[in-house]
Amino acid sequence: AFGVAASRQNFSDATFNASAAWQLSGAF
């Protein structure tokens, strides 16, 4: 009735994050 075709799709992926913080002194 609305002209919509059947459809099926899948998406997958892996992501990451990595960090390092080095305290040199009290203020830096």
mmCIF file of all heavy atoms, coordinates in Angstrom:
data_MODEL
# 
_entry.id   MODEL 
# 
loop_
_atom_site.group_PDB 
_atom_site.id 
_atom_site.type_symbol 
_atom_site.label_atom_id 
_atom_site.label_alt_id 
_atom_site.label_comp_id 
_atom_site.label_asym_id 
_atom_site.label_entity_id 
_atom_site.label_seq_id 
_atom_site.pdbx_PDB_ins_code 
_atom_site.Cartn_x 
_atom_site.Cartn_y 
_atom_site.Cartn_z 
_atom_site.occupancy 
_atom_site.B_iso_or_equiv 
_atom_site.pdbx_formal_charge 
_atom_site.auth_seq_id 
_atom_site.auth_comp_id 
_atom_site.auth_asym_id 
_atom_site.auth_atom_id 
_atom_site.pdbx_PDB_model_num 
ATOM 1   N N   . ALA A 1 1  ? 0.822  -1.209  0.000  1.00 0.00 ? 1  ALA A N   1 
ATOM 2   C CA  . ALA A 1 1  ? 0.000  0.000   0.000  1.00 0.00 ? 1  ALA A CA  1 
ATOM 3   C C   . ALA A 1 1  ? 0.861  1.266   0.000  1.00 0.00 ? 1  ALA A C   1 
ATOM 4   O O   . ALA A 1 1  ? 0.489  2.279   -0.589 1.00 0.00 ? 1  ALA A O   1 
ATOM 5   C CB  . ALA A 1 1  ? -0.932 0.001   1.204  1.00 0.00 ? 1  ALA A CB  1 
ATOM 6   N N   . PHE A 1 2  ? 2.014  1.204   0.655  1.00 0.00 ? 2  PHE A N   1 
ATOM 7   C CA  . PHE A 1 2  ? 2.911  2.358   0.725  1.00 0.00 ? 2  PHE A CA  1 
ATOM 8   C C   . PHE A 1 2  ? 4.136  2.205   -0.168 1.00 0.00 ? 2  PHE A C   1 
ATOM 9   O O   . PHE A 1 2  ? 5.014  3.064   -0.165 1.00 0.00 ? 2  PHE A O   1 
ATOM 10  C CB  . PHE A 1 2  ? 3.361  2.596   2.172  1.00 0.00 ? 2  PHE A CB  1 
ATOM 11  C CG  . PHE A 1 2  ? 2.254  3.047   3.066  1.00 0.00 ? 2  PHE A CG  1 
ATOM 12  C CD1 . PHE A 1 2  ? 1.675  2.176   3.973  1.00 0.00 ? 2  PHE A CD1 1 
ATOM 13  C CD2 . PHE A 1 2  ? 1.770  4.341   2.987  1.00 0.00 ? 2  PHE A CD2 1 
ATOM 14  C CE1 . PHE A 1 2  ? 0.645  2.582   4.797  1.00 0.00 ? 2  PHE A CE1 1 
ATOM 15  C CE2 . PHE A 1 2  ? 0.732  4.759   3.797  1.00 0.00 ? 2  PHE A CE2 1 
ATOM 16  C CZ  . PHE A 1 2  ? 0.160  3.881   4.708  1.00 0.00 ? 2  PHE A CZ  1 
ATOM 17  N N   . GLY A 1 3  ? 4.232  1.108   -0.916 1.00 0.00 ? 3  GLY A N   1 
ATOM 18  C CA  . GLY A 1 3  ? 5.360  0.907   -1.815 1.00 0.00 ? 3  GLY A CA  1 
ATOM 19  C C   . GLY A 1 3  ? 6.669  0.611   -1.098 1.00 0.00 ? 3  GLY A C   1 
ATOM 20  O O   . GLY A 1 3  ? 7.742  0.964   -1.579 1.00 0.00 ? 3  GLY A O   1 
ATOM 21  N N   . VAL A 1 4  ? 6.601  -0.063  0.048  1.00 0.00 ? 4  VAL A N   1 
ATOM 22  C CA  . VAL A 1 4  ? 7.797  -0.386  0.831  1.00 0.00 ? 4  VAL A CA  1 
ATOM 23  C C   . VAL A 1 4  ? 8.221  -1.819  0.541  1.00 0.00 ? 4  VAL A C   1 
ATOM 24  O O   . VAL A 1 4  ? 7.415  -2.741  0.642  1.00 0.00 ? 4  VAL A O   1 
ATOM 25  C CB  . VAL A 1 4  ? 7.524  -0.208  2.343  1.00 0.00 ? 4  VAL A CB  1 
ATOM 26  C CG1 . VAL A 1 4  ? 8.727  -0.630  3.162  1.00 0.00 ? 4  VAL A CG1 1 
ATOM 27  C CG2 . VAL A 1 4  ? 7.139  1.229   2.637  1.00 0.00 ? 4  VAL A CG2 1 
ATOM 28  N N   . ALA A 1 5  ? 9.470  -2.001  0.181  1.00 0.00 ? 5  ALA A N   1 
ATOM 29  C CA  . ALA A 1 5  ? 10.011 -3.340  -0.073 1.00 0.00 ? 5  ALA A CA  1 
ATOM 30  C C   . ALA A 1 5  ? 10.560 -3.935  1.216  1.00 0.00 ? 5  ALA A C   1 
ATOM 31  O O   . ALA A 1 5  ? 11.017 -3.202  2.096  1.00 0.00 ? 5  ALA A O   1 
ATOM 32  C CB  . ALA A 1 5  ? 11.122 -3.265  -1.115 1.00 0.00 ? 5  ALA A CB  1 
ATOM 33  N N   . ALA A 1 6  ? 10.525 -5.244  1.326  1.00 0.00 ? 6  ALA A N   1 
ATOM 34  C CA  . ALA A 1 6  ? 11.109 -5.920  2.494  1.00 0.00 ? 6  ALA A CA  1 
ATOM 35  C C   . ALA A 1 6  ? 12.627 -5.749  2.467  1.00 0.00 ? 6  ALA A C   1 
ATOM 36  O O   . ALA A 1 6  ? 13.247 -5.783  1.405  1.00 0.00 ? 6  ALA A O   1 
ATOM 37  C CB  . ALA A 1 6  ? 10.734 -7.390  2.501  1.00 0.00 ? 6  ALA A CB  1 
ATOM 38  N N   . SER A 1 7  ? 13.204 -5.556  3.637  1.00 0.00 ? 7  SER A N   1 
ATOM 39  C CA  . SER A 1 7  ? 14.648 -5.335  3.716  1.00 0.00 ? 7  SER A CA  1 
ATOM 40  C C   . SER A 1 7  ? 15.156 -5.819  5.061  1.00 0.00 ? 7  SER A C   1 
ATOM 41  O O   . SER A 1 7  ? 14.447 -5.745  6.072  1.00 0.00 ? 7  SER A O   1 
ATOM 42  C CB  . SER A 1 7  ? 14.950 -3.845  3.547  1.00 0.00 ? 7  SER A CB  1 
ATOM 43  O OG  . SER A 1 7  ? 16.312 -3.590  3.757  1.00 0.00 ? 7  SER A OG  1 
ATOM 44  N N   . ARG A 1 8  ? 16.402 -6.296  5.062  1.00 0.00 ? 8  ARG A N   1 
ATOM 45  C CA  . ARG A 1 8  ? 17.040 -6.714  6.315  1.00 0.00 ? 8  ARG A CA  1 
ATOM 46  C C   . ARG A 1 8  ? 18.531 -6.414  6.195  1.00 0.00 ? 8  ARG A C   1 
ATOM 47  O O   . ARG A 1 8  ? 19.167 -6.793  5.216  1.00 0.00 ? 8  ARG A O   1 
ATOM 48  C CB  . ARG A 1 8  ? 16.835 -8.199  6.558  1.00 0.00 ? 8  ARG A CB  1 
ATOM 49  C CG  . ARG A 1 8  ? 17.549 -8.680  7.808  1.00 0.00 ? 8  ARG A CG  1 
ATOM 50  C CD  . ARG A 1 8  ? 17.371 -10.145 8.022  1.00 0.00 ? 8  ARG A CD  1 
ATOM 51  N NE  . ARG A 1 8  ? 15.971 -10.381 8.371  1.00 0.00 ? 8  ARG A NE  1 
ATOM 52  C CZ  . ARG A 1 8  ? 15.451 -11.570 8.594  1.00 0.00 ? 8  ARG A CZ  1 
ATOM 53  N NH1 . ARG A 1 8  ? 16.199 -12.643 8.497  1.00 0.00 ? 8  ARG A NH1 1 
ATOM 54  N NH2 . ARG A 1 8  ? 14.193 -11.711 8.915  1.00 0.00 ? 8  ARG A NH2 1 
ATOM 55  N N   . GLN A 1 9  ? 19.083 -5.710  7.184  1.00 0.00 ? 9  GLN A N   1 
ATOM 56  C CA  . GLN A 1 9  ? 20.508 -5.380  7.202  1.00 0.00 ? 9  GLN A CA  1 
ATOM 57  C C   . GLN A 1 9  ? 21.033 -5.516  8.619  1.00 0.00 ? 9  GLN A C   1 
ATOM 58  O O   . GLN A 1 9  ? 20.315 -5.239  9.589  1.00 0.00 ? 9  GLN A O   1 
ATOM 59  C CB  . GLN A 1 9  ? 20.738 -3.958  6.712  1.00 0.00 ? 9  GLN A CB  1 
ATOM 60  C CG  . GLN A 1 9  ? 20.345 -3.746  5.264  1.00 0.00 ? 9  GLN A CG  1 
ATOM 61  C CD  . GLN A 1 9  ? 20.651 -2.338  4.802  1.00 0.00 ? 9  GLN A CD  1 
ATOM 62  O OE1 . GLN A 1 9  ? 21.628 -1.749  5.221  1.00 0.00 ? 9  GLN A OE1 1 
ATOM 63  N NE2 . GLN A 1 9  ? 19.803 -1.813  3.937  1.00 0.00 ? 9  GLN A NE2 1 
ATOM 64  N N   . ASN A 1 10 ? 22.298 -5.929  8.732  1.00 0.00 ? 10 ASN A N   1 
ATOM 65  C CA  . ASN A 1 10 ? 22.977 -6.037  10.023 1.00 0.00 ? 10 ASN A CA  1 
ATOM 66  C C   . ASN A 1 10 ? 24.296 -5.278  9.955  1.00 0.00 ? 10 ASN A C   1 
ATOM 67  O O   . ASN A 1 10 ? 24.971 -5.289  8.923  1.00 0.00 ? 10 ASN A O   1 
ATOM 68  C CB  . ASN A 1 10 ? 23.261 -7.499  10.376 1.00 0.00 ? 10 ASN A CB  1 
ATOM 69  C CG  . ASN A 1 10 ? 21.981 -8.260  10.609 1.00 0.00 ? 10 ASN A CG  1 
ATOM 70  O OD1 . ASN A 1 10 ? 21.157 -7.855  11.414 1.00 0.00 ? 10 ASN A OD1 1 
ATOM 71  N ND2 . ASN A 1 10 ? 21.803 -9.339  9.893  1.00 0.00 ? 10 ASN A ND2 1 
ATOM 72  N N   . PHE A 1 11 ? 24.646 -4.622  11.044 1.00 0.00 ? 11 PHE A N   1 
ATOM 73  C CA  . PHE A 1 11 ? 25.891 -3.873  11.157 1.00 0.00 ? 11 PHE A CA  1 
ATOM 74  C C   . PHE A 1 11 ? 26.551 -4.259  12.471 1.00 0.00 ? 11 PHE A C   1 
ATOM 75  O O   . PHE A 1 11 ? 25.868 -4.375  13.497 1.00 0.00 ? 11 PHE A O   1 
ATOM 76  C CB  . PHE A 1 11 ? 25.624 -2.366  11.169 1.00 0.00 ? 11 PHE A CB  1 
ATOM 77  C CG  . PHE A 1 11 ? 24.801 -1.890  10.013 1.00 0.00 ? 11 PHE A CG  1 
ATOM 78  C CD1 . PHE A 1 11 ? 23.424 -1.819  10.120 1.00 0.00 ? 11 PHE A CD1 1 
ATOM 79  C CD2 . PHE A 1 11 ? 25.396 -1.525  8.826  1.00 0.00 ? 11 PHE A CD2 1 
ATOM 80  C CE1 . PHE A 1 11 ? 22.648 -1.379  9.061  1.00 0.00 ? 11 PHE A CE1 1 
ATOM 81  C CE2 . PHE A 1 11 ? 24.631 -1.091  7.755  1.00 0.00 ? 11 PHE A CE2 1 
ATOM 82  C CZ  . PHE A 1 11 ? 23.253 -1.022  7.875  1.00 0.00 ? 11 PHE A CZ  1 
ATOM 83  N N   . SER A 1 12 ? 27.868 -4.453  12.455 1.00 0.00 ? 12 SER A N   1 
ATOM 84  C CA  . SER A 1 12 ? 28.578 -4.706  13.709 1.00 0.00 ? 12 SER A CA  1 
ATOM 85  C C   . SER A 1 12 ? 30.002 -4.182  13.580 1.00 0.00 ? 12 SER A C   1 
ATOM 86  O O   . SER A 1 12 ? 30.552 -4.104  12.480 1.00 0.00 ? 12 SER A O   1 
ATOM 87  C CB  . SER A 1 12 ? 28.580 -6.192  14.066 1.00 0.00 ? 12 SER A CB  1 
ATOM 88  O OG  . SER A 1 12 ? 29.324 -6.925  13.124 1.00 0.00 ? 12 SER A OG  1 
ATOM 89  N N   . ASP A 1 13 ? 30.579 -3.814  14.718 1.00 0.00 ? 13 ASP A N   1 
ATOM 90  C CA  . ASP A 1 13 ? 31.936 -3.285  14.721 1.00 0.00 ? 13 ASP A CA  1 
ATOM 91  C C   . ASP A 1 13 ? 32.479 -3.298  16.150 1.00 0.00 ? 13 ASP A C   1 
ATOM 92  O O   . ASP A 1 13 ? 31.722 -3.335  17.115 1.00 0.00 ? 13 ASP A O   1 
ATOM 93  C CB  . ASP A 1 13 ? 31.959 -1.862  14.184 1.00 0.00 ? 13 ASP A CB  1 
ATOM 94  C CG  . ASP A 1 13 ? 33.305 -1.460  13.626 1.00 0.00 ? 13 ASP A CG  1 
ATOM 95  O OD1 . ASP A 1 13 ? 34.260 -2.252  13.723 1.00 0.00 ? 13 ASP A OD1 1 
ATOM 96  O OD2 . ASP A 1 13 ? 33.409 -0.348  13.074 1.00 0.00 ? 13 ASP A OD2 1 
ATOM 97  N N   . ALA A 1 14 ? 33.794 -3.272  16.243 1.00 0.00 ? 14 ALA A N   1 
ATOM 98  C CA  . ALA A 1 14 ? 34.479 -3.189  17.540 1.00 0.00 ? 14 ALA A CA  1 
ATOM 99  C C   . ALA A 1 14 ? 35.148 -1.827  17.653 1.00 0.00 ? 14 ALA A C   1 
ATOM 100 O O   . ALA A 1 14 ? 35.673 -1.305  16.673 1.00 0.00 ? 14 ALA A O   1 
ATOM 101 C CB  . ALA A 1 14 ? 35.512 -4.299  17.659 1.00 0.00 ? 14 ALA A CB  1 
ATOM 102 N N   . THR A 1 15 ? 35.104 -1.250  18.829 1.00 0.00 ? 15 THR A N   1 
ATOM 103 C CA  . THR A 1 15 ? 35.737 0.042   19.089 1.00 0.00 ? 15 THR A CA  1 
ATOM 104 C C   . THR A 1 15 ? 36.579 -0.073  20.353 1.00 0.00 ? 15 THR A C   1 
ATOM 105 O O   . THR A 1 15 ? 36.444 -1.028  21.122 1.00 0.00 ? 15 THR A O   1 
ATOM 106 C CB  . THR A 1 15 ? 34.698 1.151   19.273 1.00 0.00 ? 15 THR A CB  1 
ATOM 107 O OG1 . THR A 1 15 ? 33.864 0.817   20.381 1.00 0.00 ? 15 THR A OG1 1 
ATOM 108 C CG2 . THR A 1 15 ? 33.835 1.313   18.041 1.00 0.00 ? 15 THR A CG2 1 
ATOM 109 N N   . PHE A 1 16 ? 37.445 0.918   20.578 1.00 0.00 ? 16 PHE A N   1 
ATOM 110 C CA  . PHE A 1 16 ? 38.306 0.895   21.759 1.00 0.00 ? 16 PHE A CA  1 
ATOM 111 C C   . PHE A 1 16 ? 38.680 2.312   22.167 1.00 0.00 ? 16 PHE A C   1 
ATOM 112 O O   . PHE A 1 16 ? 38.527 3.261   21.392 1.00 0.00 ? 16 PHE A O   1 
ATOM 113 C CB  . PHE A 1 16 ? 39.587 0.090   21.483 1.00 0.00 ? 16 PHE A CB  1 
ATOM 114 C CG  . PHE A 1 16 ? 40.554 0.814   20.586 1.00 0.00 ? 16 PHE A CG  1 
ATOM 115 C CD1 . PHE A 1 16 ? 41.558 1.601   21.120 1.00 0.00 ? 16 PHE A CD1 1 
ATOM 116 C CD2 . PHE A 1 16 ? 40.440 0.718   19.215 1.00 0.00 ? 16 PHE A CD2 1 
ATOM 117 C CE1 . PHE A 1 16 ? 42.432 2.282   20.295 1.00 0.00 ? 16 PHE A CE1 1 
ATOM 118 C CE2 . PHE A 1 16 ? 41.309 1.383   18.381 1.00 0.00 ? 16 PHE A CE2 1 
ATOM 119 C CZ  . PHE A 1 16 ? 42.314 2.162   18.922 1.00 0.00 ? 16 PHE A CZ  1 
ATOM 120 N N   . ASN A 1 17 ? 39.197 2.436   23.365 1.00 0.00 ? 17 ASN A N   1 
ATOM 121 C CA  . ASN A 1 17 ? 39.856 3.660   23.808 1.00 0.00 ? 17 ASN A CA  1 
ATOM 122 C C   . ASN A 1 17 ? 40.975 3.268   24.760 1.00 0.00 ? 17 ASN A C   1 
ATOM 123 O O   . ASN A 1 17 ? 40.886 2.283   25.479 1.00 0.00 ? 17 ASN A O   1 
ATOM 124 C CB  . ASN A 1 17 ? 38.880 4.649   24.459 1.00 0.00 ? 17 ASN A CB  1 
ATOM 125 C CG  . ASN A 1 17 ? 38.246 4.117   25.714 1.00 0.00 ? 17 ASN A CG  1 
ATOM 126 O OD1 . ASN A 1 17 ? 38.866 3.407   26.489 1.00 0.00 ? 17 ASN A OD1 1 
ATOM 127 N ND2 . ASN A 1 17 ? 36.995 4.454   25.936 1.00 0.00 ? 17 ASN A ND2 1 
ATOM 128 N N   . ALA A 1 18 ? 42.051 4.029   24.725 1.00 0.00 ? 18 ALA A N   1 
ATOM 129 C CA  . ALA A 1 18 ? 43.199 3.798   25.599 1.00 0.00 ? 18 ALA A CA  1 
ATOM 130 C C   . ALA A 1 18 ? 43.756 5.156   25.999 1.00 0.00 ? 18 ALA A C   1 
ATOM 131 O O   . ALA A 1 18 ? 43.809 6.074   25.180 1.00 0.00 ? 18 ALA A O   1 
ATOM 132 C CB  . ALA A 1 18 ? 44.269 2.973   24.889 1.00 0.00 ? 18 ALA A CB  1 
ATOM 133 N N   . SER A 1 19 ? 44.153 5.286   27.261 1.00 0.00 ? 19 SER A N   1 
ATOM 134 C CA  . SER A 1 19 ? 44.714 6.558   27.708 1.00 0.00 ? 19 SER A CA  1 
ATOM 135 C C   . SER A 1 19 ? 45.770 6.323   28.776 1.00 0.00 ? 19 SER A C   1 
ATOM 136 O O   . SER A 1 19 ? 45.814 5.282   29.423 1.00 0.00 ? 19 SER A O   1 
ATOM 137 C CB  . SER A 1 19 ? 43.615 7.474   28.264 1.00 0.00 ? 19 SER A CB  1 
ATOM 138 O OG  . SER A 1 19 ? 43.103 6.965   29.470 1.00 0.00 ? 19 SER A OG  1 
ATOM 139 N N   . ALA A 1 20 ? 46.624 7.334   28.914 1.00 0.00 ? 20 ALA A N   1 
ATOM 140 C CA  . ALA A 1 20 ? 47.654 7.333   29.959 1.00 0.00 ? 20 ALA A CA  1 
ATOM 141 C C   . ALA A 1 20 ? 47.780 8.759   30.477 1.00 0.00 ? 20 ALA A C   1 
ATOM 142 O O   . ALA A 1 20 ? 47.797 9.713   29.698 1.00 0.00 ? 20 ALA A O   1 
ATOM 143 C CB  . ALA A 1 20 ? 48.991 6.845   29.417 1.00 0.00 ? 20 ALA A CB  1 
ATOM 144 N N   . ALA A 1 21 ? 47.845 8.893   31.788 1.00 0.00 ? 21 ALA A N   1 
ATOM 145 C CA  . ALA A 1 21 ? 48.023 10.200  32.429 1.00 0.00 ? 21 ALA A CA  1 
ATOM 146 C C   . ALA A 1 21 ? 49.218 10.100  33.367 1.00 0.00 ? 21 ALA A C   1 
ATOM 147 O O   . ALA A 1 21 ? 49.261 9.223   34.238 1.00 0.00 ? 21 ALA A O   1 
ATOM 148 C CB  . ALA A 1 21 ? 46.767 10.602  33.189 1.00 0.00 ? 21 ALA A CB  1 
ATOM 149 N N   . TRP A 1 22 ? 50.194 10.989  33.193 1.00 0.00 ? 22 TRP A N   1 
ATOM 150 C CA  . TRP A 1 22 ? 51.402 11.011  34.005 1.00 0.00 ? 22 TRP A CA  1 
ATOM 151 C C   . TRP A 1 22 ? 51.427 12.323  34.774 1.00 0.00 ? 22 TRP A C   1 
ATOM 152 O O   . TRP A 1 22 ? 51.460 13.393  34.175 1.00 0.00 ? 22 TRP A O   1 
ATOM 153 C CB  . TRP A 1 22 ? 52.641 10.881  33.121 1.00 0.00 ? 22 TRP A CB  1 
ATOM 154 C CG  . TRP A 1 22 ? 53.924 10.839  33.875 1.00 0.00 ? 22 TRP A CG  1 
ATOM 155 C CD1 . TRP A 1 22 ? 54.704 11.905  34.216 1.00 0.00 ? 22 TRP A CD1 1 
ATOM 156 C CD2 . TRP A 1 22 ? 54.581 9.694   34.398 1.00 0.00 ? 22 TRP A CD2 1 
ATOM 157 N NE1 . TRP A 1 22 ? 55.803 11.487  34.907 1.00 0.00 ? 22 TRP A NE1 1 
ATOM 158 C CE2 . TRP A 1 22 ? 55.757 10.136  35.031 1.00 0.00 ? 22 TRP A CE2 1 
ATOM 159 C CE3 . TRP A 1 22 ? 54.286 8.330   34.391 1.00 0.00 ? 22 TRP A CE3 1 
ATOM 160 C CZ2 . TRP A 1 22 ? 56.634 9.254   35.646 1.00 0.00 ? 22 TRP A CZ2 1 
ATOM 161 C CZ3 . TRP A 1 22 ? 55.161 7.468   35.000 1.00 0.00 ? 22 TRP A CZ3 1 
ATOM 162 C CH2 . TRP A 1 22 ? 56.317 7.926   35.625 1.00 0.00 ? 22 TRP A CH2 1 
ATOM 163 N N   . GLN A 1 23 ? 51.402 12.252  36.112 1.00 0.00 ? 23 GLN A N   1 
ATOM 164 C CA  . GLN A 1 23 ? 51.430 13.447  36.964 1.00 0.00 ? 23 GLN A CA  1 
ATOM 165 C C   . GLN A 1 23 ? 52.888 13.819  37.204 1.00 0.00 ? 23 GLN A C   1 
ATOM 166 O O   . GLN A 1 23 ? 53.601 13.157  37.946 1.00 0.00 ? 23 GLN A O   1 
ATOM 167 C CB  . GLN A 1 23 ? 50.718 13.166  38.294 1.00 0.00 ? 23 GLN A CB  1 
ATOM 168 C CG  . GLN A 1 23 ? 50.444 14.392  39.094 1.00 0.00 ? 23 GLN A CG  1 
ATOM 169 C CD  . GLN A 1 23 ? 49.448 15.304  38.398 1.00 0.00 ? 23 GLN A CD  1 
ATOM 170 O OE1 . GLN A 1 23 ? 48.509 14.855  37.756 1.00 0.00 ? 23 GLN A OE1 1 
ATOM 171 N NE2 . GLN A 1 23 ? 49.650 16.595  38.517 1.00 0.00 ? 23 GLN A NE2 1 
ATOM 172 N N   . LEU A 1 24 ? 53.364 14.873  36.538 1.00 0.00 ? 24 LEU A N   1 
ATOM 173 C CA  . LEU A 1 24 ? 54.759 15.286  36.643 1.00 0.00 ? 24 LEU A CA  1 
ATOM 174 C C   . LEU A 1 24 ? 55.048 15.974  37.969 1.00 0.00 ? 24 LEU A C   1 
ATOM 175 O O   . LEU A 1 24 ? 56.084 15.759  38.581 1.00 0.00 ? 24 LEU A O   1 
ATOM 176 C CB  . LEU A 1 24 ? 55.125 16.207  35.477 1.00 0.00 ? 24 LEU A CB  1 
ATOM 177 C CG  . LEU A 1 24 ? 54.987 15.569  34.092 1.00 0.00 ? 24 LEU A CG  1 
ATOM 178 C CD1 . LEU A 1 24 ? 55.180 16.607  33.014 1.00 0.00 ? 24 LEU A CD1 1 
ATOM 179 C CD2 . LEU A 1 24 ? 55.977 14.434  33.947 1.00 0.00 ? 24 LEU A CD2 1 
ATOM 180 N N   . SER A 1 25 ? 54.122 16.836  38.397 1.00 0.00 ? 25 SER A N   1 
ATOM 181 C CA  . SER A 1 25 ? 54.227 17.512  39.694 1.00 0.00 ? 25 SER A CA  1 
ATOM 182 C C   . SER A 1 25 ? 52.815 17.811  40.157 1.00 0.00 ? 25 SER A C   1 
ATOM 183 O O   . SER A 1 25 ? 51.854 17.419  39.514 1.00 0.00 ? 25 SER A O   1 
ATOM 184 C CB  . SER A 1 25 ? 55.063 18.792  39.566 1.00 0.00 ? 25 SER A CB  1 
ATOM 185 O OG  . SER A 1 25 ? 54.371 19.749  38.797 1.00 0.00 ? 25 SER A OG  1 
ATOM 186 N N   . GLY A 1 26 ? 52.691 18.548  41.249 1.00 0.00 ? 26 GLY A N   1 
ATOM 187 C CA  . GLY A 1 26 ? 51.359 18.848  41.768 1.00 0.00 ? 26 GLY A CA  1 
ATOM 188 C C   . GLY A 1 26 ? 50.479 19.606  40.790 1.00 0.00 ? 26 GLY A C   1 
ATOM 189 O O   . GLY A 1 26 ? 49.277 19.418  40.755 1.00 0.00 ? 26 GLY A O   1 
ATOM 190 N N   . ALA A 1 27 ? 51.079 20.476  39.958 1.00 0.00 ? 27 ALA A N   1 
ATOM 191 C CA  . ALA A 1 27 ? 50.302 21.317  39.062 1.00 0.00 ? 27 ALA A CA  1 
ATOM 192 C C   . ALA A 1 27 ? 50.412 20.917  37.591 1.00 0.00 ? 27 ALA A C   1 
ATOM 193 O O   . ALA A 1 27 ? 49.666 21.423  36.766 1.00 0.00 ? 27 ALA A O   1 
ATOM 194 C CB  . ALA A 1 27 ? 50.740 22.773  39.210 1.00 0.00 ? 27 ALA A CB  1 
ATOM 195 N N   . PHE A 1 28 ? 51.335 20.030  37.239 1.00 0.00 ? 28 PHE A N   1 
ATOM 196 C CA  . PHE A 1 28 ? 51.561 19.702  35.832 1.00 0.00 ? 28 PHE A CA  1 
ATOM 197 C C   . PHE A 1 28 ? 51.445 18.203  35.587 1.00 0.00 ? 28 PHE A C   1 
ATOM 198 O O   . PHE A 1 28 ? 51.919 17.397  36.381 1.00 0.00 ? 28 PHE A O   1 
ATOM 199 C CB  . PHE A 1 28 ? 52.958 20.165  35.386 1.00 0.00 ? 28 PHE A CB  1 
ATOM 200 C CG  . PHE A 1 28 ? 53.118 21.655  35.428 1.00 0.00 ? 28 PHE A CG  1 
ATOM 201 C CD1 . PHE A 1 28 ? 53.780 22.251  36.484 1.00 0.00 ? 28 PHE A CD1 1 
ATOM 202 C CD2 . PHE A 1 28 ? 52.599 22.454  34.427 1.00 0.00 ? 28 PHE A CD2 1 
ATOM 203 C CE1 . PHE A 1 28 ? 53.921 23.618  36.549 1.00 0.00 ? 28 PHE A CE1 1 
ATOM 204 C CE2 . PHE A 1 28 ? 52.743 23.821  34.474 1.00 0.00 ? 28 PHE A CE2 1 
ATOM 205 C CZ  . PHE A 1 28 ? 53.405 24.417  35.539 1.00 0.00 ? 28 PHE A CZ  1 
# 
